[in-house]
Amino acid sequence: MASGGELAYQQLCSEITIEFNDCSKKVLEMESLFRSPNYHRLDLAQILRAVQDQEKQKLHLTASIQVLKKAGRPSERLVSHENCKFTKPTEHECVHVQEITEASGTEEAEADAEYDNALKEAIKGVQDAVTAINEHLEEVRYEIEALEAE
């Protein structure tokens, strides 16, 4: 994205969102079908619902991770010099230069710790969602094997 790929990234996200919506509609149709009197497979409908819920959670957390990574750790964020005073073309008085105090250092460390924790939580949440999805898919595999054995 640093090389100007922001627009391409946003376009890719838009395309993926459209594909996710299409998949979601198909899964909802299957869920409805399993709930119908023709199939009466509430168990499979509930599995599909659980997978959809976990996928939604995973997508939300993945977006959170992307936002956090794009913002970066507070102590490592780039400083904009648009409000600085330029005395010569190559020299300016930077409004960002300030004396580092124990309080400001502590505040920055706390902000970094909050960022790190938020990122770790989101990553752990994605991992948990993937585990849950895989467990549900395993249930579906057992159902398929049982149906094939009949």
C-alpha atoms as a PDB file:
ATOM      1  CA  MET A   1       0.000   0.000   0.000  1.00  0.00           C
ATOM      2  CA  ALA A   2       2.973   2.288   0.543  1.00  0.00           C
ATOM      3  CA  SER A   3       3.645   2.194  -3.204  1.00  0.00           C
ATOM      4  CA  GLY A   4       0.211   3.581  -4.079  1.00  0.00           C
ATOM      5  CA  GLY A   5      -1.672   0.306  -4.073  1.00  0.00           C
ATOM      6  CA  GLU A   6      -4.393   1.636  -1.752  1.00  0.00           C
ATOM      7  CA  LEU A   7      -6.961   1.893  -4.561  1.00  0.00           C
ATOM      8  CA  ALA A   8      -6.180  -1.616  -5.805  1.00  0.00           C
ATOM      9  CA  TYR A   9      -6.458  -2.921  -2.235  1.00  0.00           C
ATOM     10  CA  GLN A  10      -9.846  -1.256  -1.763  1.00  0.00           C
ATOM     11  CA  GLN A  11     -11.068  -2.638  -5.087  1.00  0.00           C
ATOM     12  CA  LEU A  12      -9.929  -6.138  -4.117  1.00  0.00           C
ATOM     13  CA  CYS A  13     -11.733  -5.815  -0.767  1.00  0.00           C
ATOM     14  CA  SER A  14     -14.876  -4.740  -2.604  1.00  0.00           C
ATOM     15  CA  GLU A  15     -14.699  -7.733  -4.959  1.00  0.00           C
ATOM     16  CA  ILE A  16     -14.121 -10.129  -2.072  1.00  0.00           C
ATOM     17  CA  THR A  17     -17.071  -8.627  -0.188  1.00  0.00           C
ATOM     18  CA  ILE A  18     -19.335  -9.253  -3.181  1.00  0.00           C
ATOM     19  CA  GLU A  19     -18.135 -12.875  -3.372  1.00  0.00           C
ATOM     20  CA  PHE A  20     -18.673 -13.332   0.377  1.00  0.00           C
ATOM     21  CA  ASN A  21     -22.212 -12.001   0.035  1.00  0.00           C
ATOM     22  CA  ASP A  22     -22.934 -14.429  -2.810  1.00  0.00           C
ATOM     23  CA  CYS A  23     -21.604 -17.361  -0.765  1.00  0.00           C
ATOM     24  CA  SER A  24     -23.590 -16.227   2.252  1.00  0.00           C
ATOM     25  CA  LYS A  25     -26.812 -16.133   0.212  1.00  0.00           C
ATOM     26  CA  LYS A  26     -26.194 -19.680  -1.016  1.00  0.00           C
ATOM     27  CA  VAL A  27     -25.558 -20.921   2.515  1.00  0.00           C
ATOM     28  CA  LEU A  28     -28.744 -19.227   3.729  1.00  0.00           C
ATOM     29  CA  GLU A  29     -30.661 -20.962   0.934  1.00  0.00           C
ATOM     30  CA  MET A  30     -29.182 -24.311   1.998  1.00  0.00           C
ATOM     31  CA  GLU A  31     -30.030 -23.612   5.627  1.00  0.00           C
ATOM     32  CA  SER A  32     -33.609 -22.837   4.651  1.00  0.00           C
ATOM     33  CA  LEU A  33     -33.756 -25.992   2.563  1.00  0.00           C
ATOM     34  CA  PHE A  34     -32.562 -28.130   5.489  1.00  0.00           C
ATOM     35  CA  ARG A  35     -35.244 -26.573   7.710  1.00  0.00           C
ATOM     36  CA  SER A  36     -37.994 -27.332   5.197  1.00  0.00           C
ATOM     37  CA  PRO A  37     -40.410 -30.268   5.678  1.00  0.00           C
ATOM     38  CA  ASN A  38     -38.902 -31.959   2.590  1.00  0.00           C
ATOM     39  CA  TYR A  39     -35.571 -32.476   4.349  1.00  0.00           C
ATOM     40  CA  HIS A  40     -36.321 -31.805   8.012  1.00  0.00           C
ATOM     41  CA  ARG A  41     -32.613 -31.675   8.937  1.00  0.00           C
ATOM     42  CA  LEU A  42     -32.578 -29.094  11.687  1.00  0.00           C
ATOM     43  CA  ASP A  43     -29.203 -30.449  12.849  1.00  0.00           C
ATOM     44  CA  LEU A  44     -27.569 -29.559   9.513  1.00  0.00           C
ATOM     45  CA  ALA A  45     -29.316 -26.203   9.408  1.00  0.00           C
ATOM     46  CA  GLN A  46     -27.934 -25.419  12.863  1.00  0.00           C
ATOM     47  CA  ILE A  47     -24.422 -26.395  11.780  1.00  0.00           C
ATOM     48  CA  LEU A  48     -24.667 -24.076   8.784  1.00  0.00           C
ATOM     49  CA  ARG A  49     -25.920 -21.278  11.032  1.00  0.00           C
ATOM     50  CA  ALA A  50     -23.007 -21.842  13.437  1.00  0.00           C
ATOM     51  CA  VAL A  51     -20.506 -21.770  10.562  1.00  0.00           C
ATOM     52  CA  GLN A  52     -22.057 -18.554   9.249  1.00  0.00           C
ATOM     53  CA  ASP A  53     -21.827 -16.964  12.700  1.00  0.00           C
ATOM     54  CA  GLN A  54     -18.177 -17.974  13.052  1.00  0.00           C
ATOM     55  CA  GLU A  55     -17.381 -16.733   9.544  1.00  0.00           C
ATOM     56  CA  LYS A  56     -18.983 -13.394  10.381  1.00  0.00           C
ATOM     57  CA  GLN A  57     -16.907 -13.159  13.568  1.00  0.00           C
ATOM     58  CA  LYS A  58     -13.757 -14.128  11.669  1.00  0.00           C
ATOM     59  CA  LEU A  59     -14.413 -11.506   8.988  1.00  0.00           C
ATOM     60  CA  HIS A  60     -15.024  -8.815  11.610  1.00  0.00           C
ATOM     61  CA  LEU A  61     -11.822  -9.681  13.467  1.00  0.00           C
ATOM     62  CA  THR A  62      -9.805  -9.887  10.243  1.00  0.00           C
ATOM     63  CA  ALA A  63     -10.977  -6.378   9.367  1.00  0.00           C
ATOM     64  CA  SER A  64      -9.981  -5.232  12.863  1.00  0.00           C
ATOM     65  CA  ILE A  65      -6.516  -6.705  12.366  1.00  0.00           C
ATOM     66  CA  GLN A  66      -6.160  -4.889   9.043  1.00  0.00           C
ATOM     67  CA  VAL A  67      -7.224  -1.572  10.587  1.00  0.00           C
ATOM     68  CA  LEU A  68      -4.816  -2.023  13.493  1.00  0.00           C
ATOM     69  CA  LYS A  69      -1.930  -2.957  11.213  1.00  0.00           C
ATOM     70  CA  LYS A  70      -2.627  -0.043   8.911  1.00  0.00           C
ATOM     71  CA  ALA A  71      -2.653   2.375  11.848  1.00  0.00           C
ATOM     72  CA  GLY A  72       0.510   0.843  13.299  1.00  0.00           C
ATOM     73  CA  ARG A  73       1.790   0.939  16.865  1.00  0.00           C
ATOM     74  CA  PRO A  74       1.228   4.396  18.365  1.00  0.00           C
ATOM     75  CA  SER A  75       4.939   4.897  19.057  1.00  0.00           C
ATOM     76  CA  GLU A  76       5.842   4.033  15.460  1.00  0.00           C
ATOM     77  CA  ARG A  77       3.298   6.148  13.593  1.00  0.00           C
ATOM     78  CA  LEU A  78       4.625   8.641  11.126  1.00  0.00           C
ATOM     79  CA  VAL A  79       4.390  12.284  12.046  1.00  0.00           C
ATOM     80  CA  SER A  80       2.822  14.764   9.666  1.00  0.00           C
ATOM     81  CA  HIS A  81       4.617  18.096   9.408  1.00  0.00           C
ATOM     82  CA  GLU A  82       1.711  20.031   7.870  1.00  0.00           C
ATOM     83  CA  ASN A  83       1.302  22.258  10.963  1.00  0.00           C
ATOM     84  CA  CYS A  84       5.017  22.968  11.374  1.00  0.00           C
ATOM     85  CA  LYS A  85       6.520  26.392  10.713  1.00  0.00           C
ATOM     86  CA  PHE A  86       8.811  26.473   7.676  1.00  0.00           C
ATOM     87  CA  THR A  87      11.458  29.215   7.896  1.00  0.00           C
ATOM     88  CA  LYS A  88      13.432  28.071   4.847  1.00  0.00           C
ATOM     89  CA  PRO A  89      12.578  25.482   2.192  1.00  0.00           C
ATOM     90  CA  THR A  90      14.733  22.837   3.872  1.00  0.00           C
ATOM     91  CA  GLU A  91      14.356  23.903   7.525  1.00  0.00           C
ATOM     92  CA  HIS A  92      11.355  24.132   9.785  1.00  0.00           C
ATOM     93  CA  GLU A  93      10.361  24.401  13.404  1.00  0.00           C
ATOM     94  CA  CYS A  94       8.751  21.096  14.199  1.00  0.00           C
ATOM     95  CA  VAL A  95       5.715  21.294  16.479  1.00  0.00           C
ATOM     96  CA  HIS A  96       6.158  17.607  17.279  1.00  0.00           C
ATOM     97  CA  VAL A  97       9.471  17.970  19.071  1.00  0.00           C
ATOM     98  CA  GLN A  98       8.808  17.869  22.760  1.00  0.00           C
ATOM     99  CA  GLU A  99      10.683  16.901  25.827  1.00  0.00           C
ATOM    100  CA  ILE A 100      10.211  13.277  26.744  1.00  0.00           C
ATOM    101  CA  THR A 101       9.039  12.989  30.301  1.00  0.00           C
ATOM    102  CA  GLU A 102       8.324   9.983  32.425  1.00  0.00           C
ATOM    103  CA  ALA A 103       4.609  10.695  32.071  1.00  0.00           C
ATOM    104  CA  SER A 104       4.700  10.946  28.269  1.00  0.00           C
ATOM    105  CA  GLY A 105       6.898   7.857  28.033  1.00  0.00           C
ATOM    106  CA  THR A 106       4.501   5.927  30.254  1.00  0.00           C
ATOM    107  CA  GLU A 107       1.530   7.137  28.209  1.00  0.00           C
ATOM    108  CA  GLU A 108       3.201   6.009  24.980  1.00  0.00           C
ATOM    109  CA  ALA A 109       4.103   2.620  26.462  1.00  0.00           C
ATOM    110  CA  GLU A 110       0.511   2.146  27.657  1.00  0.00           C
ATOM    111  CA  ALA A 111      -0.823   3.052  24.200  1.00  0.00           C
ATOM    112  CA  ASP A 112       1.572   0.536  22.617  1.00  0.00           C
ATOM    113  CA  ALA A 113       0.512  -2.130  25.134  1.00  0.00           C
ATOM    114  CA  GLU A 114      -3.177  -1.486  24.365  1.00  0.00           C
ATOM    115  CA  TYR A 115      -2.431  -1.769  20.646  1.00  0.00           C
ATOM    116  CA  ASP A 116      -0.458  -5.000  21.138  1.00  0.00           C
ATOM    117  CA  ASN A 117      -3.240  -6.494  23.276  1.00  0.00           C
ATOM    118  CA  ALA A 118      -5.942  -5.524  20.788  1.00  0.00           C
ATOM    119  CA  LEU A 119      -3.945  -7.092  17.958  1.00  0.00           C
ATOM    120  CA  LYS A 120      -3.272 -10.287  19.946  1.00  0.00           C
ATOM    121  CA  GLU A 121      -6.959 -10.553  20.934  1.00  0.00           C
ATOM    122  CA  ALA A 122      -8.099 -10.161  17.334  1.00  0.00           C
ATOM    123  CA  ILE A 123      -5.590 -12.752  16.102  1.00  0.00           C
ATOM    124  CA  LYS A 124      -6.627 -15.176  18.855  1.00  0.00           C
ATOM    125  CA  GLY A 125     -10.288 -14.569  17.969  1.00  0.00           C
ATOM    126  CA  VAL A 126      -9.619 -15.415  14.316  1.00  0.00           C
ATOM    127  CA  GLN A 127      -7.790 -18.577  15.361  1.00  0.00           C
ATOM    128  CA  ASP A 128     -10.692 -19.580  17.641  1.00  0.00           C
ATOM    129  CA  ALA A 129     -13.217 -18.931  14.864  1.00  0.00           C
ATOM    130  CA  VAL A 130     -11.224 -21.053  12.408  1.00  0.00           C
ATOM    131  CA  THR A 131     -11.034 -23.870  14.968  1.00  0.00           C
ATOM    132  CA  ALA A 132     -14.797 -23.720  15.530  1.00  0.00           C
ATOM    133  CA  ILE A 133     -15.476 -23.686  11.779  1.00  0.00           C
ATOM    134  CA  ASN A 134     -13.238 -26.712  11.284  1.00  0.00           C
ATOM    135  CA  GLU A 135     -15.049 -28.563  14.084  1.00  0.00           C
ATOM    136  CA  HIS A 136     -18.400 -27.851  12.430  1.00  0.00           C
ATOM    137  CA  LEU A 137     -17.070 -29.011   9.078  1.00  0.00           C
ATOM    138  CA  GLU A 138     -15.895 -32.208  10.728  1.00  0.00           C
ATOM    139  CA  GLU A 139     -19.475 -32.768  11.931  1.00  0.00           C
ATOM    140  CA  VAL A 140     -20.652 -32.343   8.347  1.00  0.00           C
ATOM    141  CA  ARG A 141     -18.071 -34.900   7.136  1.00  0.00           C
ATOM    142  CA  TYR A 142     -19.392 -37.423   9.691  1.00  0.00           C
ATOM    143  CA  GLU A 143     -22.943 -36.787   8.473  1.00  0.00           C
ATOM    144  CA  ILE A 144     -21.897 -37.312   4.858  1.00  0.00           C
ATOM    145  CA  GLU A 145     -20.149 -40.570   5.757  1.00  0.00           C
ATOM    146  CA  ALA A 146     -23.224 -41.746   7.669  1.00  0.00           C
ATOM    147  CA  LEU A 147     -25.490 -40.946   4.703  1.00  0.00           C
ATOM    148  CA  GLU A 148     -23.151 -42.714   2.279  1.00  0.00           C
ATOM    149  CA  ALA A 149     -23.112 -45.787   4.527  1.00  0.00           C
ATOM    150  CA  GLU A 150     -26.941 -46.061   4.434  1.00  0.00           C
END
